[in-house]
């Protein structure tokens, strides 16, 4: 366990309800927790570890797309506790490929996330080209939330849950 790297950790919040565990290596590289990466795009909790441990069609397809599968284990300090927890991480490039793979496989969360993040990035370039001020991270989170919510065909229960979150945010910001 002495050879395992100590990592900084933070929750990477795209918006309320879509978060992943994020890690920073000592060299500054950002990485994503492997379990959360799969969950974020609509796969089950154990999906990534199953795919990575087998030489099946899914892994071959991912590798054909450029997926390295390079995992880095690290230790992170437990919040408010002594000791550390071991985590397993993947690169941001591999996370982006998981999002793309999920979209290709028809995972609605992955499709919405892929399209919304792409649109946001394109918008940034257009804002720059026209000399507009870039959106703040909070404005981007709000835009991402609205764009993803619009793209996903939620069940009525899910729509109600997301509407409650949206209404709560509007109420707290004084826009009700």
Protein backbone atom coordinates (compact mmCIF):
# COMPACT_ATOMS: atom_id res chain seq x y z
CA UNK A 1 0.00 0.00 0.00
CA UNK A 2 3.04 2.29 0.28
CA UNK A 3 3.33 2.53 -3.53
CA UNK A 4 -0.17 3.95 -3.96
CA UNK A 5 -0.33 7.66 -4.75
CA UNK A 6 -2.12 10.09 -2.47
CA UNK A 7 -4.76 12.03 -4.40
CA UNK A 8 -6.75 15.15 -3.70
CA UNK A 9 -10.48 14.54 -4.00
CA UNK A 10 -13.52 16.68 -4.74
CA UNK A 11 -17.06 16.17 -5.90
CA UNK A 12 -17.36 17.35 -9.50
CA UNK A 13 -20.85 18.80 -9.71
CA UNK A 14 -22.31 19.24 -13.17
CA UNK A 15 -25.58 20.20 -11.42
CA UNK A 16 -27.65 18.88 -8.50
CA UNK A 17 -28.25 15.23 -9.27
CA UNK A 18 -25.31 14.72 -11.64
CA UNK A 19 -22.01 14.46 -9.85
CA UNK A 20 -18.88 12.31 -10.04
CA UNK A 21 -15.99 11.80 -7.69
CA UNK A 22 -13.07 13.76 -9.02
CA UNK A 23 -9.41 13.34 -8.17
CA UNK A 24 -6.23 15.30 -8.79
CA UNK A 25 -2.89 13.56 -9.11
CA UNK A 26 0.27 15.12 -7.64
CA UNK A 27 1.24 16.14 -11.23
CA UNK A 28 -2.04 18.07 -11.59
CA UNK A 29 -3.84 15.54 -13.82
CA UNK A 30 -7.57 15.25 -13.15
CA UNK A 31 -9.21 11.82 -13.01
CA UNK A 32 -12.69 10.38 -12.40
CA UNK A 33 -13.73 7.61 -10.04
CA UNK A 34 -14.33 4.53 -12.20
CA UNK A 35 -17.62 3.49 -10.55
CA UNK A 36 -19.11 6.98 -10.72
CA UNK A 37 -18.07 7.36 -14.35
CA UNK A 38 -20.25 4.40 -15.36
CA UNK A 39 -23.15 5.53 -13.19
CA UNK A 40 -23.05 9.05 -14.66
CA UNK A 41 -23.77 7.72 -18.13
CA UNK A 42 -26.54 5.32 -17.14
CA UNK A 43 -24.78 2.02 -16.46
CA UNK A 44 -25.08 -0.01 -13.24
CA UNK A 45 -22.77 0.39 -10.25
CA UNK A 46 -20.63 -2.66 -11.07
CA UNK A 47 -20.67 -2.21 -14.86
CA UNK A 48 -17.23 -0.65 -15.26
CA UNK A 49 -15.40 -3.21 -13.14
CA UNK A 50 -17.11 -6.07 -15.00
CA UNK A 51 -16.24 -4.62 -18.41
CA UNK A 52 -12.67 -3.89 -17.43
CA UNK A 53 -12.01 -7.32 -15.90
CA UNK A 54 -13.18 -9.25 -18.99
CA UNK A 55 -11.86 -9.36 -22.53
CA UNK A 56 -15.37 -9.13 -23.99
CA UNK A 57 -16.93 -7.28 -26.89
CA UNK A 58 -17.68 -4.17 -24.82
CA UNK A 59 -14.05 -3.70 -23.82
CA UNK A 60 -12.89 -4.37 -27.40
CA UNK A 61 -15.37 -1.80 -28.72
CA UNK A 62 -14.23 0.77 -26.18
CA UNK A 63 -10.58 0.09 -26.99
CA UNK A 64 -11.37 0.46 -30.70
CA UNK A 65 -12.65 3.96 -29.88
CA UNK A 66 -9.38 4.83 -28.12
CA UNK A 67 -10.27 3.81 -24.58
CA UNK A 68 -7.08 2.98 -22.68
CA UNK A 69 -8.68 1.52 -19.57
CA UNK A 70 -5.66 2.77 -17.69
CA UNK A 71 -6.66 2.85 -14.07
CA UNK A 72 -4.77 4.55 -11.28
CA UNK A 73 -5.37 3.52 -7.71
CA UNK A 74 -4.93 6.17 -5.10
CA UNK A 75 -5.46 7.03 -1.48
CA UNK A 76 -7.66 9.91 -0.38
CA UNK A 77 -8.08 11.38 3.06
CA UNK A 78 -11.44 10.54 4.63
CA UNK A 79 -13.55 13.59 5.36
CA UNK A 80 -13.21 14.48 9.02
CA UNK A 81 -11.76 11.08 9.88
CA UNK A 82 -8.32 9.67 10.38
CA UNK A 83 -7.01 7.29 7.77
CA UNK A 84 -7.50 7.08 4.05
CA UNK A 85 -9.65 5.24 1.53
CA UNK A 86 -8.43 3.54 -1.61
CA UNK A 87 -10.02 4.69 -4.87
CA UNK A 88 -9.82 3.57 -8.47
CA UNK A 89 -9.72 6.24 -11.18
CA UNK A 90 -9.78 6.64 -14.95
CA UNK A 91 -8.58 9.50 -17.15
CA UNK A 92 -10.83 12.29 -18.39
CA UNK A 93 -10.25 11.01 -21.94
CA UNK A 94 -11.56 7.57 -20.96
CA UNK A 95 -14.51 9.20 -19.16
CA UNK A 96 -15.36 11.13 -22.34
CA UNK A 97 -15.23 7.86 -24.29
CA UNK A 98 -17.55 6.20 -21.74
CA UNK A 99 -20.02 9.03 -22.30
CA UNK A 100 -19.76 8.52 -26.07
CA UNK A 101 -20.07 4.74 -25.74
CA UNK A 102 -23.14 5.11 -23.53
CA UNK A 103 -24.66 7.44 -26.13
CA UNK A 104 -23.96 4.94 -28.92
CA UNK A 105 -25.61 2.23 -26.80
CA UNK A 106 -28.71 4.40 -26.44
CA UNK A 107 -28.29 5.34 -22.77
CA UNK A 108 -30.50 8.42 -22.46
CA UNK A 109 -28.37 9.93 -19.70
CA UNK A 110 -25.25 9.56 -21.84
CA UNK A 111 -26.92 10.99 -24.96
CA UNK A 112 -28.20 14.00 -23.04
CA UNK A 113 -24.86 14.54 -21.31
CA UNK A 114 -22.88 14.20 -24.56
CA UNK A 115 -25.09 16.60 -26.50
CA UNK A 116 -25.35 19.12 -23.68
CA UNK A 117 -21.61 19.22 -22.96
CA UNK A 118 -20.84 19.50 -26.68
CA UNK A 119 -23.35 22.32 -27.08
CA UNK A 120 -21.86 24.12 -24.07
CA UNK A 121 -18.35 23.86 -25.49
CA UNK A 122 -19.44 25.10 -28.92
CA UNK A 123 -21.29 27.97 -27.26
CA UNK A 124 -18.08 28.97 -25.44
CA UNK A 125 -16.24 29.26 -28.75
CA UNK A 126 -19.05 31.34 -30.26
CA UNK A 127 -19.16 33.64 -27.23
CA UNK A 128 -15.41 34.13 -27.59
CA UNK A 129 -15.62 34.80 -31.33
CA UNK A 130 -18.22 37.52 -30.79
CA UNK A 131 -16.43 39.01 -27.79
CA UNK A 132 -19.16 38.01 -25.32
CA UNK A 133 -18.35 37.37 -21.68
CA UNK A 134 -18.04 33.67 -20.88
CA UNK A 135 -20.73 32.15 -18.66
CA UNK A 136 -19.85 31.57 -15.03
CA UNK A 137 -19.67 27.99 -13.78
CA UNK A 138 -23.03 28.48 -12.02
CA UNK A 139 -24.62 29.73 -15.25
CA UNK A 140 -23.14 26.72 -17.07
CA UNK A 141 -24.52 24.33 -14.44
CA UNK A 142 -27.98 25.88 -14.79
CA UNK A 143 -27.82 25.71 -18.59
CA UNK A 144 -26.54 22.12 -18.50
CA UNK A 145 -29.33 21.10 -16.11
CA UNK A 146 -32.03 22.65 -18.28
CA UNK A 147 -30.59 21.22 -21.51
CA UNK A 148 -30.27 17.69 -20.12
CA UNK A 149 -33.70 17.82 -18.49
CA UNK A 150 -35.20 18.88 -21.83
CA UNK A 151 -33.49 16.04 -23.71
CA UNK A 152 -34.37 13.12 -21.44
CA UNK A 153 -37.77 11.46 -21.66
CA UNK A 154 -38.32 11.22 -17.92
CA UNK A 155 -41.05 9.17 -16.33
CA UNK A 156 -43.71 11.32 -14.67
CA UNK A 157 -42.18 10.58 -11.26
CA UNK A 158 -38.71 11.65 -12.43
CA UNK A 159 -40.15 14.79 -14.04
CA UNK A 160 -41.82 15.65 -10.75
CA UNK A 161 -38.57 15.09 -8.82
CA UNK A 162 -36.55 17.30 -11.22
CA UNK A 163 -39.32 19.93 -11.22
CA UNK A 164 -39.11 20.06 -7.42
CA UNK A 165 -35.36 20.67 -7.62
CA UNK A 166 -35.89 23.40 -10.24
CA UNK A 167 -38.72 25.02 -8.24
CA UNK A 168 -36.61 24.95 -5.08
CA UNK A 169 -33.73 26.68 -6.90
CA UNK A 170 -36.08 29.32 -8.30
CA UNK A 171 -37.63 29.89 -4.88
CA UNK A 172 -34.27 30.20 -3.14
CA UNK A 173 -33.03 32.66 -5.75
CA UNK A 174 -36.17 34.81 -5.32
CA UNK A 175 -37.58 33.98 -8.79
CA UNK A 176 -40.93 32.44 -7.85
